[in-house]
Amino acid sequence: MSSSTNNEQPSELKLWGGRFTGATDPLMDLYNASLPYDKKMYAADLEGTKVYTEGLEKIGLLTKHELSEIHRGLAEIKEEWSNDKFVAKPGDEDIHTANERRLGEIIGRQIAGKVHTGRSRNDQVATDMRIYTRTELQKLAKILKTFIEVIVKRAKNEIDFLMPGYTHLQRAQPIRWSHWLSIFSWTSIWY
């Protein structure tokens, strides 16, 4: 990339396009694009934007009509992602730019441009990560609960089976299989 010394127009498709002029090296575009990785956070990004715009409406920076249009557009985008119909385009560097671009296509750029009012990209990334992590941990908690229930049930049903216990890599006193199996349910709780 060259600095702003020539007469070429900055790229309007880039988040940082106003800082440089000229074409970006394709290798830099590939290096900088995270959409292939962070598209799994589409729902978190849309949810964060939905809640943020509710705050903007509450303090009078959006009208009720604008908020309604934004929410309608966000719902449509979520539907597209859910049904694997979302079409990424050049310039969609990450999940945020992809969703914002699509929102502008659906409801118009004038209203869509307001979703970023007073909001930094860093704030958006941090919020998306928290929402995504919370959602994934809730899913994981359900799986872990089922795992522990299965172990406890097996331990109760198989309490009469014995196996050798070990100490210092040598066989020691016999222990119950259910006792050894239960270790994994307690270990799961602590990790």
N, C-alpha and C. Protein backbone atom coordinates (compact mmCIF):
# COMPACT_ATOMS: atom_id res chain seq x y z
N MET A 1 0.85 -1.19 0.00
CA MET A 1 0.00 0.00 0.00
C MET A 1 0.88 1.23 0.00
N SER A 2 0.44 2.24 -0.65
CA SER A 2 1.17 3.49 -0.66
C SER A 2 0.49 4.49 0.26
N SER A 3 1.24 5.44 0.73
CA SER A 3 0.62 6.46 1.58
C SER A 3 -0.15 7.43 0.72
N SER A 4 -0.78 8.40 1.33
CA SER A 4 -1.67 9.32 0.62
C SER A 4 -0.90 10.40 -0.14
N THR A 5 0.06 10.00 -0.99
CA THR A 5 0.82 10.99 -1.73
C THR A 5 0.39 11.09 -3.18
N ASN A 6 -0.33 10.10 -3.71
CA ASN A 6 -0.75 10.21 -5.10
C ASN A 6 -2.20 10.66 -5.17
N ASN A 7 -2.73 10.76 -6.37
CA ASN A 7 -4.07 11.32 -6.55
C ASN A 7 -5.18 10.28 -6.60
N GLU A 8 -4.90 9.02 -6.32
CA GLU A 8 -5.93 7.99 -6.36
C GLU A 8 -6.89 8.16 -5.19
N GLN A 9 -8.12 7.74 -5.39
CA GLN A 9 -9.15 7.83 -4.35
C GLN A 9 -8.97 6.70 -3.33
N PRO A 10 -9.18 6.98 -2.04
CA PRO A 10 -9.11 5.91 -1.05
C PRO A 10 -10.25 4.92 -1.27
N SER A 11 -10.00 3.69 -0.88
CA SER A 11 -11.01 2.65 -1.04
C SER A 11 -12.15 2.88 -0.05
N GLU A 12 -13.36 2.94 -0.55
CA GLU A 12 -14.52 3.13 0.32
C GLU A 12 -14.99 1.81 0.91
N LEU A 13 -14.47 0.69 0.40
CA LEU A 13 -14.90 -0.61 0.88
C LEU A 13 -14.15 -1.04 2.13
N LYS A 14 -13.06 -0.40 2.46
CA LYS A 14 -12.23 -0.80 3.59
C LYS A 14 -12.57 0.01 4.83
N LEU A 15 -12.49 -0.62 6.00
CA LEU A 15 -12.70 0.11 7.24
C LEU A 15 -11.67 1.22 7.38
N TRP A 16 -10.47 0.94 6.94
CA TRP A 16 -9.36 1.88 7.07
C TRP A 16 -9.05 2.55 5.73
N GLY A 17 -9.98 2.51 4.80
CA GLY A 17 -9.75 2.98 3.44
C GLY A 17 -9.39 4.44 3.31
N GLY A 18 -9.79 5.26 4.22
CA GLY A 18 -9.46 6.68 4.13
C GLY A 18 -8.02 7.00 4.48
N ARG A 19 -7.29 6.05 5.01
CA ARG A 19 -5.91 6.28 5.42
C ARG A 19 -4.90 6.03 4.32
N PHE A 20 -5.29 5.26 3.30
CA PHE A 20 -4.37 4.89 2.23
C PHE A 20 -5.06 5.10 0.88
N THR A 21 -4.24 5.18 -0.15
CA THR A 21 -4.78 5.25 -1.50
C THR A 21 -4.20 4.11 -2.31
N GLY A 22 -4.77 3.88 -3.46
CA GLY A 22 -4.25 2.83 -4.32
C GLY A 22 -4.82 1.47 -3.94
N ALA A 23 -4.50 0.51 -4.77
CA ALA A 23 -5.01 -0.85 -4.57
C ALA A 23 -4.24 -1.54 -3.45
N THR A 24 -4.96 -2.36 -2.71
CA THR A 24 -4.35 -3.16 -1.65
C THR A 24 -3.80 -4.43 -2.26
N ASP A 25 -2.66 -4.84 -1.80
CA ASP A 25 -2.08 -6.10 -2.26
C ASP A 25 -3.05 -7.23 -1.89
N PRO A 26 -3.36 -8.14 -2.81
CA PRO A 26 -4.28 -9.25 -2.51
C PRO A 26 -3.86 -10.09 -1.31
N LEU A 27 -2.55 -10.19 -1.08
CA LEU A 27 -2.07 -10.93 0.09
C LEU A 27 -2.49 -10.24 1.38
N MET A 28 -2.48 -8.90 1.38
CA MET A 28 -2.92 -8.15 2.55
C MET A 28 -4.42 -8.34 2.78
N ASP A 29 -5.20 -8.35 1.69
CA ASP A 29 -6.64 -8.60 1.82
C ASP A 29 -6.89 -9.96 2.45
N LEU A 30 -6.15 -10.95 1.99
CA LEU A 30 -6.30 -12.31 2.52
C LEU A 30 -5.91 -12.37 3.99
N TYR A 31 -4.81 -11.71 4.34
CA TYR A 31 -4.31 -11.69 5.71
C TYR A 31 -5.29 -10.97 6.65
N ASN A 32 -5.89 -9.90 6.16
CA ASN A 32 -6.74 -9.05 7.00
C ASN A 32 -8.17 -9.56 7.14
N ALA A 33 -8.63 -10.38 6.23
CA ALA A 33 -10.03 -10.83 6.26
C ALA A 33 -10.24 -11.91 7.32
N SER A 34 -11.19 -11.69 8.20
CA SER A 34 -11.49 -12.69 9.24
C SER A 34 -12.87 -13.30 9.07
N LEU A 35 -13.63 -12.87 8.06
CA LEU A 35 -14.99 -13.37 7.89
C LEU A 35 -15.07 -14.89 7.81
N PRO A 36 -14.14 -15.57 7.14
CA PRO A 36 -14.24 -17.04 7.12
C PRO A 36 -14.20 -17.66 8.52
N TYR A 37 -13.60 -16.96 9.47
CA TYR A 37 -13.48 -17.48 10.83
C TYR A 37 -14.58 -16.95 11.75
N ASP A 38 -14.83 -15.65 11.67
CA ASP A 38 -15.76 -15.08 12.65
C ASP A 38 -17.21 -15.08 12.20
N LYS A 39 -17.51 -15.67 11.03
CA LYS A 39 -18.91 -15.72 10.61
C LYS A 39 -19.74 -16.59 11.56
N LYS A 40 -19.09 -17.45 12.33
CA LYS A 40 -19.83 -18.24 13.30
C LYS A 40 -20.42 -17.37 14.41
N MET A 41 -19.97 -16.11 14.50
CA MET A 41 -20.50 -15.19 15.50
C MET A 41 -21.60 -14.29 14.95
N TYR A 42 -22.19 -14.67 13.82
CA TYR A 42 -23.18 -13.79 13.20
C TYR A 42 -24.33 -13.45 14.14
N ALA A 43 -24.83 -14.45 14.87
CA ALA A 43 -25.98 -14.21 15.76
C ALA A 43 -25.60 -13.27 16.90
N ALA A 44 -24.38 -13.43 17.43
CA ALA A 44 -23.92 -12.55 18.51
C ALA A 44 -23.78 -11.12 18.01
N ASP A 45 -23.24 -10.96 16.80
CA ASP A 45 -23.08 -9.61 16.24
C ASP A 45 -24.43 -8.95 16.02
N LEU A 46 -25.38 -9.71 15.49
CA LEU A 46 -26.71 -9.16 15.24
C LEU A 46 -27.42 -8.83 16.55
N GLU A 47 -27.28 -9.70 17.55
CA GLU A 47 -27.90 -9.44 18.85
C GLU A 47 -27.31 -8.20 19.51
N GLY A 48 -25.98 -8.09 19.46
CA GLY A 48 -25.32 -6.91 20.03
C GLY A 48 -25.78 -5.63 19.36
N THR A 49 -25.91 -5.66 18.05
CA THR A 49 -26.38 -4.49 17.30
C THR A 49 -27.82 -4.17 17.64
N LYS A 50 -28.63 -5.20 17.80
CA LYS A 50 -30.04 -4.98 18.14
C LYS A 50 -30.16 -4.27 19.50
N VAL A 51 -29.45 -4.77 20.48
CA VAL A 51 -29.52 -4.17 21.82
C VAL A 51 -28.93 -2.76 21.81
N TYR A 52 -27.82 -2.59 21.11
CA TYR A 52 -27.18 -1.27 21.05
C TYR A 52 -28.12 -0.24 20.42
N THR A 53 -28.79 -0.63 19.35
CA THR A 53 -29.70 0.33 18.69
C THR A 53 -30.92 0.63 19.56
N GLU A 54 -31.34 -0.30 20.39
CA GLU A 54 -32.42 -0.01 21.34
C GLU A 54 -31.98 1.11 22.28
N GLY A 55 -30.71 1.08 22.68
CA GLY A 55 -30.17 2.16 23.51
C GLY A 55 -30.14 3.49 22.78
N LEU A 56 -29.77 3.45 21.49
CA LEU A 56 -29.75 4.67 20.70
C LEU A 56 -31.15 5.28 20.58
N GLU A 57 -32.15 4.44 20.43
CA GLU A 57 -33.53 4.93 20.35
C GLU A 57 -33.98 5.50 21.69
N LYS A 58 -33.55 4.84 22.74
CA LYS A 58 -33.95 5.28 24.09
C LYS A 58 -33.43 6.69 24.41
N ILE A 59 -32.25 7.02 23.89
CA ILE A 59 -31.69 8.36 24.17
C ILE A 59 -32.00 9.36 23.05
N GLY A 60 -32.83 8.97 22.09
CA GLY A 60 -33.32 9.89 21.08
C GLY A 60 -32.46 10.03 19.83
N LEU A 61 -31.49 9.15 19.64
CA LEU A 61 -30.65 9.24 18.44
C LEU A 61 -31.22 8.45 17.26
N LEU A 62 -32.20 7.61 17.54
CA LEU A 62 -32.95 6.91 16.50
C LEU A 62 -34.43 7.13 16.76
N THR A 63 -35.21 7.22 15.69
CA THR A 63 -36.66 7.27 15.86
C THR A 63 -37.20 5.85 16.01
N LYS A 64 -38.42 5.73 16.45
CA LYS A 64 -39.03 4.41 16.56
C LYS A 64 -39.10 3.73 15.20
N HIS A 65 -39.39 4.51 14.16
CA HIS A 65 -39.44 3.96 12.79
C HIS A 65 -38.06 3.43 12.37
N GLU A 66 -37.01 4.22 12.63
CA GLU A 66 -35.65 3.78 12.27
C GLU A 66 -35.28 2.51 13.02
N LEU A 67 -35.60 2.46 14.31
CA LEU A 67 -35.31 1.27 15.11
C LEU A 67 -36.05 0.06 14.55
N SER A 68 -37.31 0.26 14.20
CA SER A 68 -38.11 -0.83 13.63
C SER A 68 -37.50 -1.34 12.33
N GLU A 69 -37.05 -0.43 11.47
CA GLU A 69 -36.42 -0.81 10.21
C GLU A 69 -35.12 -1.56 10.45
N ILE A 70 -34.33 -1.07 11.38
CA ILE A 70 -33.06 -1.74 11.71
C ILE A 70 -33.33 -3.15 12.21
N HIS A 71 -34.26 -3.30 13.11
CA HIS A 71 -34.58 -4.63 13.65
C HIS A 71 -35.14 -5.55 12.58
N ARG A 72 -35.93 -5.01 11.68
CA ARG A 72 -36.44 -5.81 10.57
C ARG A 72 -35.28 -6.30 9.70
N GLY A 73 -34.36 -5.40 9.40
CA GLY A 73 -33.20 -5.77 8.59
C GLY A 73 -32.31 -6.79 9.29
N LEU A 74 -32.10 -6.60 10.59
CA LEU A 74 -31.27 -7.55 11.34
C LEU A 74 -31.91 -8.94 11.36
N ALA A 75 -33.23 -8.98 11.49
CA ALA A 75 -33.94 -10.27 11.48
C ALA A 75 -33.79 -10.95 10.12
N GLU A 76 -33.85 -10.17 9.06
CA GLU A 76 -33.69 -10.74 7.71
C GLU A 76 -32.28 -11.28 7.51
N ILE A 77 -31.29 -10.54 8.00
CA ILE A 77 -29.90 -11.00 7.89
C ILE A 77 -29.70 -12.28 8.69
N LYS A 78 -30.28 -12.34 9.88
CA LYS A 78 -30.15 -13.54 10.71
C LYS A 78 -30.76 -14.75 9.99
N GLU A 79 -31.88 -14.53 9.36
CA GLU A 79 -32.54 -15.59 8.59
C GLU A 79 -31.64 -16.07 7.45
N GLU A 80 -31.00 -15.11 6.77
CA GLU A 80 -30.10 -15.48 5.67
C GLU A 80 -28.93 -16.32 6.19
N TRP A 81 -28.32 -15.89 7.29
CA TRP A 81 -27.21 -16.66 7.86
C TRP A 81 -27.69 -18.04 8.29
N SER A 82 -28.83 -18.09 8.97
CA SER A 82 -29.36 -19.36 9.48
C SER A 82 -29.63 -20.36 8.37
N ASN A 83 -30.08 -19.86 7.22
CA ASN A 83 -30.41 -20.74 6.09
C ASN A 83 -29.27 -20.86 5.08
N ASP A 84 -28.09 -20.40 5.48
CA ASP A 84 -26.90 -20.47 4.61
C ASP A 84 -27.14 -19.76 3.27
N LYS A 85 -27.88 -18.64 3.31
CA LYS A 85 -28.19 -17.88 2.10
C LYS A 85 -27.46 -16.53 2.06
N PHE A 86 -26.74 -16.21 3.12
CA PHE A 86 -26.02 -14.93 3.17
C PHE A 86 -24.91 -14.96 2.13
N VAL A 87 -24.83 -13.89 1.34
CA VAL A 87 -23.81 -13.81 0.28
C VAL A 87 -22.76 -12.78 0.70
N ALA A 88 -21.55 -13.27 0.97
CA ALA A 88 -20.44 -12.39 1.29
C ALA A 88 -19.97 -11.72 0.00
N LYS A 89 -19.50 -10.48 0.14
CA LYS A 89 -19.04 -9.72 -1.02
C LYS A 89 -17.65 -9.16 -0.74
N PRO A 90 -16.94 -8.78 -1.81
CA PRO A 90 -15.64 -8.14 -1.59
C PRO A 90 -15.81 -6.93 -0.67
N GLY A 91 -14.90 -6.78 0.24
CA GLY A 91 -15.00 -5.69 1.22
C GLY A 91 -15.58 -6.15 2.54
N ASP A 92 -16.17 -7.34 2.58
CA ASP A 92 -16.66 -7.91 3.84
C ASP A 92 -15.47 -8.51 4.58
N GLU A 93 -14.75 -7.65 5.28
CA GLU A 93 -13.53 -8.08 5.97
C GLU A 93 -13.83 -9.00 7.15
N ASP A 94 -14.93 -8.70 7.83
CA ASP A 94 -15.26 -9.45 9.04
C ASP A 94 -16.78 -9.52 9.17
N ILE A 95 -17.24 -10.16 10.22
CA ILE A 95 -18.69 -10.34 10.42
C ILE A 95 -19.39 -8.99 10.56
N HIS A 96 -18.71 -8.02 11.15
CA HIS A 96 -19.33 -6.71 11.40
C HIS A 96 -19.56 -5.96 10.09
N THR A 97 -18.52 -5.91 9.25
CA THR A 97 -18.68 -5.19 7.98
C THR A 97 -19.66 -5.91 7.07
N ALA A 98 -19.67 -7.24 7.11
CA ALA A 98 -20.62 -8.00 6.28
C ALA A 98 -22.05 -7.70 6.69
N ASN A 99 -22.33 -7.76 7.99
CA ASN A 99 -23.69 -7.50 8.47
C ASN A 99 -24.11 -6.06 8.22
N GLU A 100 -23.20 -5.12 8.43
CA GLU A 100 -23.54 -3.71 8.22
C GLU A 100 -23.78 -3.42 6.74
N ARG A 101 -22.97 -4.00 5.88
CA ARG A 101 -23.18 -3.81 4.44
C ARG A 101 -24.54 -4.34 4.03
N ARG A 102 -24.86 -5.56 4.50
CA ARG A 102 -26.14 -6.17 4.12
C ARG A 102 -27.31 -5.38 4.70
N LEU A 103 -27.17 -4.87 5.91
CA LEU A 103 -28.23 -4.06 6.51
C LEU A 103 -28.50 -2.84 5.64
N GLY A 104 -27.44 -2.21 5.13
CA GLY A 104 -27.61 -1.06 4.24
C GLY A 104 -28.32 -1.42 2.95
N GLU A 105 -28.06 -2.62 2.44
CA GLU A 105 -28.74 -3.06 1.22
C GLU A 105 -30.23 -3.29 1.47
N ILE A 106 -30.57 -3.76 2.65
CA ILE A 106 -31.96 -4.09 2.97
C ILE A 106 -32.78 -2.86 3.33
N ILE A 107 -32.26 -2.01 4.21
CA ILE A 107 -33.06 -0.89 4.71
C ILE A 107 -32.58 0.47 4.22
N GLY A 108 -31.51 0.50 3.47
CA GLY A 108 -30.96 1.76 3.00
C GLY A 108 -29.80 2.21 3.87
N ARG A 109 -28.82 2.79 3.24
CA ARG A 109 -27.58 3.17 3.95
C ARG A 109 -27.78 4.33 4.93
N GLN A 110 -28.77 5.17 4.66
CA GLN A 110 -28.97 6.32 5.53
C GLN A 110 -29.33 5.88 6.96
N ILE A 111 -30.27 4.96 7.07
CA ILE A 111 -30.66 4.47 8.40
C ILE A 111 -29.61 3.49 8.92
N ALA A 112 -29.15 2.59 8.07
CA ALA A 112 -28.18 1.57 8.50
C ALA A 112 -26.90 2.19 9.03
N GLY A 113 -26.52 3.33 8.47
CA GLY A 113 -25.30 3.99 8.91
C GLY A 113 -25.34 4.47 10.35
N LYS A 114 -26.52 4.55 10.91
CA LYS A 114 -26.67 5.04 12.28
C LYS A 114 -26.38 3.98 13.34
N VAL A 115 -26.29 2.72 12.94
CA VAL A 115 -26.08 1.66 13.95
C VAL A 115 -24.72 1.76 14.63
N HIS A 116 -23.81 2.50 14.02
CA HIS A 116 -22.46 2.61 14.58
C HIS A 116 -22.26 3.90 15.39
N THR A 117 -23.31 4.69 15.55
CA THR A 117 -23.21 5.96 16.26
C THR A 117 -22.65 5.75 17.67
N GLY A 118 -21.51 6.37 17.94
CA GLY A 118 -20.92 6.31 19.28
C GLY A 118 -20.37 4.95 19.66
N ARG A 119 -20.18 4.09 18.69
CA ARG A 119 -19.75 2.72 18.98
C ARG A 119 -18.45 2.44 18.24
N SER A 120 -17.44 2.04 18.97
CA SER A 120 -16.17 1.71 18.33
C SER A 120 -16.19 0.26 17.85
N ARG A 121 -15.34 -0.03 16.90
CA ARG A 121 -15.21 -1.42 16.42
C ARG A 121 -14.71 -2.31 17.56
N ASN A 122 -13.81 -1.79 18.39
CA ASN A 122 -13.31 -2.58 19.51
C ASN A 122 -14.42 -2.95 20.48
N ASP A 123 -15.32 -1.99 20.75
CA ASP A 123 -16.46 -2.26 21.62
C ASP A 123 -17.35 -3.34 20.99
N GLN A 124 -17.55 -3.25 19.69
CA GLN A 124 -18.39 -4.22 18.99
C GLN A 124 -17.77 -5.62 19.06
N VAL A 125 -16.47 -5.71 18.85
CA VAL A 125 -15.78 -7.01 18.90
C VAL A 125 -15.88 -7.59 20.31
N ALA A 126 -15.60 -6.78 21.32
CA ALA A 126 -15.64 -7.26 22.70
C ALA A 126 -17.04 -7.73 23.08
N THR A 127 -18.06 -6.97 22.68
CA THR A 127 -19.44 -7.34 22.98
C THR A 127 -19.82 -8.64 22.27
N ASP A 128 -19.47 -8.74 20.99
CA ASP A 128 -19.77 -9.97 20.24
C ASP A 128 -19.11 -11.18 20.89
N MET A 129 -17.86 -11.02 21.30
CA MET A 129 -17.15 -12.15 21.92
C MET A 129 -17.83 -12.58 23.22
N ARG A 130 -18.28 -11.62 24.01
CA ARG A 130 -18.96 -11.96 25.27
C ARG A 130 -20.28 -12.69 25.00
N ILE A 131 -21.06 -12.17 24.06
CA ILE A 131 -22.35 -12.80 23.73
C ILE A 131 -22.11 -14.20 23.18
N TYR A 132 -21.17 -14.33 22.25
CA TYR A 132 -20.87 -15.63 21.65
C TYR A 132 -20.38 -16.63 22.70
N THR A 133 -19.46 -16.20 23.55
CA THR A 133 -18.91 -17.08 24.59
C THR A 133 -19.99 -17.51 25.57
N ARG A 134 -20.83 -16.56 25.99
CA ARG A 134 -21.93 -16.90 26.91
C ARG A 134 -22.85 -17.95 26.29
N THR A 135 -23.22 -17.76 25.03
CA THR A 135 -24.11 -18.71 24.35
C THR A 135 -23.47 -20.09 24.23
N GLU A 136 -22.21 -20.12 23.83
CA GLU A 136 -21.52 -21.40 23.67
C GLU A 136 -21.33 -22.11 25.01
N LEU A 137 -21.06 -21.35 26.08
CA LEU A 137 -20.92 -21.96 27.40
C LEU A 137 -22.25 -22.53 27.90
N GLN A 138 -23.35 -21.87 27.56
CA GLN A 138 -24.66 -22.41 27.93
C GLN A 138 -24.91 -23.74 27.23
N LYS A 139 -24.51 -23.83 25.96
CA LYS A 139 -24.65 -25.10 25.23
C LYS A 139 -23.75 -26.17 25.85
N LEU A 140 -22.52 -25.78 26.17
CA LEU A 140 -21.56 -26.71 26.76
C LEU A 140 -22.02 -27.19 28.13
N ALA A 141 -22.65 -26.31 28.90
CA ALA A 141 -23.14 -26.68 30.23
C ALA A 141 -24.20 -27.78 30.12
N LYS A 142 -25.05 -27.70 29.11
CA LYS A 142 -26.07 -28.74 28.91
C LYS A 142 -25.42 -30.08 28.57
N ILE A 143 -24.41 -30.05 27.72
CA ILE A 143 -23.71 -31.28 27.34
C ILE A 143 -23.00 -31.87 28.56
N LEU A 144 -22.35 -31.01 29.33
CA LEU A 144 -21.63 -31.47 30.52
C LEU A 144 -22.59 -32.06 31.55
N LYS A 145 -23.75 -31.45 31.71
CA LYS A 145 -24.75 -31.97 32.66
C LYS A 145 -25.19 -33.38 32.22
N THR A 146 -25.44 -33.56 30.95
CA THR A 146 -25.83 -34.88 30.44
C THR A 146 -24.72 -35.89 30.66
N PHE A 147 -23.49 -35.50 30.40
CA PHE A 147 -22.33 -36.36 30.59
C PHE A 147 -22.23 -36.82 32.05
N ILE A 148 -22.38 -35.90 32.98
CA ILE A 148 -22.31 -36.24 34.41
C ILE A 148 -23.46 -37.17 34.80
N GLU A 149 -24.66 -36.89 34.30
CA GLU A 149 -25.81 -37.75 34.60
C GLU A 149 -25.59 -39.17 34.12
N VAL A 150 -25.01 -39.34 32.94
CA VAL A 150 -24.73 -40.68 32.40
C VAL A 150 -23.71 -41.40 33.28
N ILE A 151 -22.66 -40.69 33.68
CA ILE A 151 -21.63 -41.31 34.53
C ILE A 151 -22.23 -41.74 35.86
N VAL A 152 -23.01 -40.88 36.49
CA VAL A 152 -23.61 -41.21 37.79
C VAL A 152 -24.57 -42.39 37.66
N LYS A 153 -25.36 -42.42 36.59
CA LYS A 153 -26.28 -43.54 36.37
C LYS A 153 -25.50 -44.85 36.19
N ARG A 154 -24.46 -44.81 35.38
CA ARG A 154 -23.65 -46.02 35.18
C ARG A 154 -23.00 -46.45 36.49
N ALA A 155 -22.50 -45.49 37.27
CA ALA A 155 -21.87 -45.82 38.54
C ALA A 155 -22.86 -46.53 39.48
N LYS A 156 -24.11 -46.07 39.52
CA LYS A 156 -25.12 -46.71 40.36
C LYS A 156 -25.44 -48.11 39.85
N ASN A 157 -25.58 -48.24 38.53
CA ASN A 157 -25.95 -49.53 37.95
C ASN A 157 -24.81 -50.56 37.98
N GLU A 158 -23.58 -50.10 38.02
CA GLU A 158 -22.43 -51.00 37.93
C GLU A 158 -21.61 -51.02 39.22
N ILE A 159 -22.28 -50.78 40.34
CA ILE A 159 -21.59 -50.66 41.63
C ILE A 159 -20.94 -51.98 42.09
N ASP A 160 -21.43 -53.11 41.63
CA ASP A 160 -20.89 -54.40 42.09
C ASP A 160 -19.65 -54.85 41.33
N PHE A 161 -19.26 -54.16 40.29
CA PHE A 161 -18.07 -54.56 39.54
C PHE A 161 -16.81 -54.03 40.22
N LEU A 162 -15.81 -54.93 40.32
CA LEU A 162 -14.55 -54.56 40.96
C LEU A 162 -13.45 -54.45 39.90
N MET A 163 -12.42 -53.70 40.24
CA MET A 163 -11.25 -53.58 39.38
C MET A 163 -10.05 -53.31 40.27
N PRO A 164 -8.84 -53.55 39.76
CA PRO A 164 -7.67 -53.26 40.61
C PRO A 164 -7.43 -51.76 40.70
N GLY A 165 -7.16 -51.32 41.90
CA GLY A 165 -6.72 -49.95 42.08
C GLY A 165 -5.21 -49.91 41.87
N TYR A 166 -4.67 -48.75 41.62
CA TYR A 166 -3.24 -48.63 41.39
C TYR A 166 -2.65 -47.55 42.28
N THR A 167 -1.41 -47.78 42.70
CA THR A 167 -0.64 -46.77 43.40
C THR A 167 0.80 -46.90 42.91
N HIS A 168 1.40 -45.80 42.57
CA HIS A 168 2.76 -45.77 42.04
C HIS A 168 2.93 -46.76 40.89
N LEU A 169 1.97 -46.81 40.00
CA LEU A 169 1.97 -47.67 38.82
C LEU A 169 1.96 -49.16 39.15
N GLN A 170 1.61 -49.50 40.38
CA GLN A 170 1.51 -50.91 40.76
C GLN A 170 0.09 -51.19 41.24
N ARG A 171 -0.33 -52.44 41.00
CA ARG A 171 -1.65 -52.81 41.48
C ARG A 171 -1.71 -52.71 43.00
N ALA A 172 -2.86 -52.28 43.46
CA ALA A 172 -3.06 -52.11 44.90
C ALA A 172 -4.37 -52.79 45.27
N GLN A 173 -5.06 -52.29 46.26
CA GLN A 173 -6.30 -52.92 46.71
C GLN A 173 -7.38 -52.82 45.65
N PRO A 174 -8.31 -53.74 45.63
CA PRO A 174 -9.42 -53.68 44.67
C PRO A 174 -10.32 -52.47 45.00
N ILE A 175 -10.84 -51.88 43.95
CA ILE A 175 -11.79 -50.77 44.11
C ILE A 175 -13.01 -51.05 43.25
N ARG A 176 -14.05 -50.32 43.52
CA ARG A 176 -15.26 -50.47 42.71
C ARG A 176 -15.09 -49.69 41.40
N TRP A 177 -15.54 -50.31 40.30
CA TRP A 177 -15.56 -49.66 38.99
C TRP A 177 -16.33 -48.34 39.09
N SER A 178 -17.44 -48.35 39.82
CA SER A 178 -18.27 -47.14 39.93
C SER A 178 -17.51 -46.01 40.63
N HIS A 179 -16.63 -46.38 41.57
CA HIS A 179 -15.83 -45.37 42.25
C HIS A 179 -14.87 -44.71 41.25
N TRP A 180 -14.19 -45.53 40.44
CA TRP A 180 -13.27 -45.00 39.44
C TRP A 180 -14.03 -44.18 38.39
N LEU A 181 -15.17 -44.68 37.96
CA LEU A 181 -15.97 -43.98 36.95
C LEU A 181 -16.45 -42.62 37.46
N SER A 182 -16.80 -42.57 38.73
CA SER A 182 -17.30 -41.32 39.32
C SER A 182 -16.25 -40.20 39.33
N ILE A 183 -14.99 -40.59 39.28
CA ILE A 183 -13.94 -39.57 39.24
C ILE A 183 -14.18 -38.60 38.10
N PHE A 184 -14.64 -39.13 36.95
CA PHE A 184 -14.80 -38.28 35.78
C PHE A 184 -15.96 -37.30 35.92
N SER A 185 -16.96 -37.64 36.71
CA SER A 185 -18.04 -36.68 36.91
C SER A 185 -17.59 -35.55 37.83
N TRP A 186 -16.80 -35.86 38.83
CA TRP A 186 -16.32 -34.80 39.73
C TRP A 186 -15.25 -33.96 39.06
N THR A 187 -14.40 -34.58 38.28
CA THR A 187 -13.37 -33.84 37.56
C THR A 187 -14.03 -32.88 36.58
N SER A 188 -15.10 -33.28 35.95
CA SER A 188 -15.80 -32.44 34.98
C SER A 188 -16.35 -31.18 35.64
N ILE A 189 -16.76 -31.28 36.86
CA ILE A 189 -17.32 -30.13 37.56
C ILE A 189 -16.24 -29.08 37.83
N TRP A 190 -15.03 -29.52 38.13
CA TRP A 190 -13.97 -28.58 38.51
C TRP A 190 -13.24 -27.98 37.33
N TYR A 191 -13.33 -28.58 36.18
CA TYR A 191 -12.60 -28.05 35.01
C TYR A 191 -13.50 -27.44 34.05
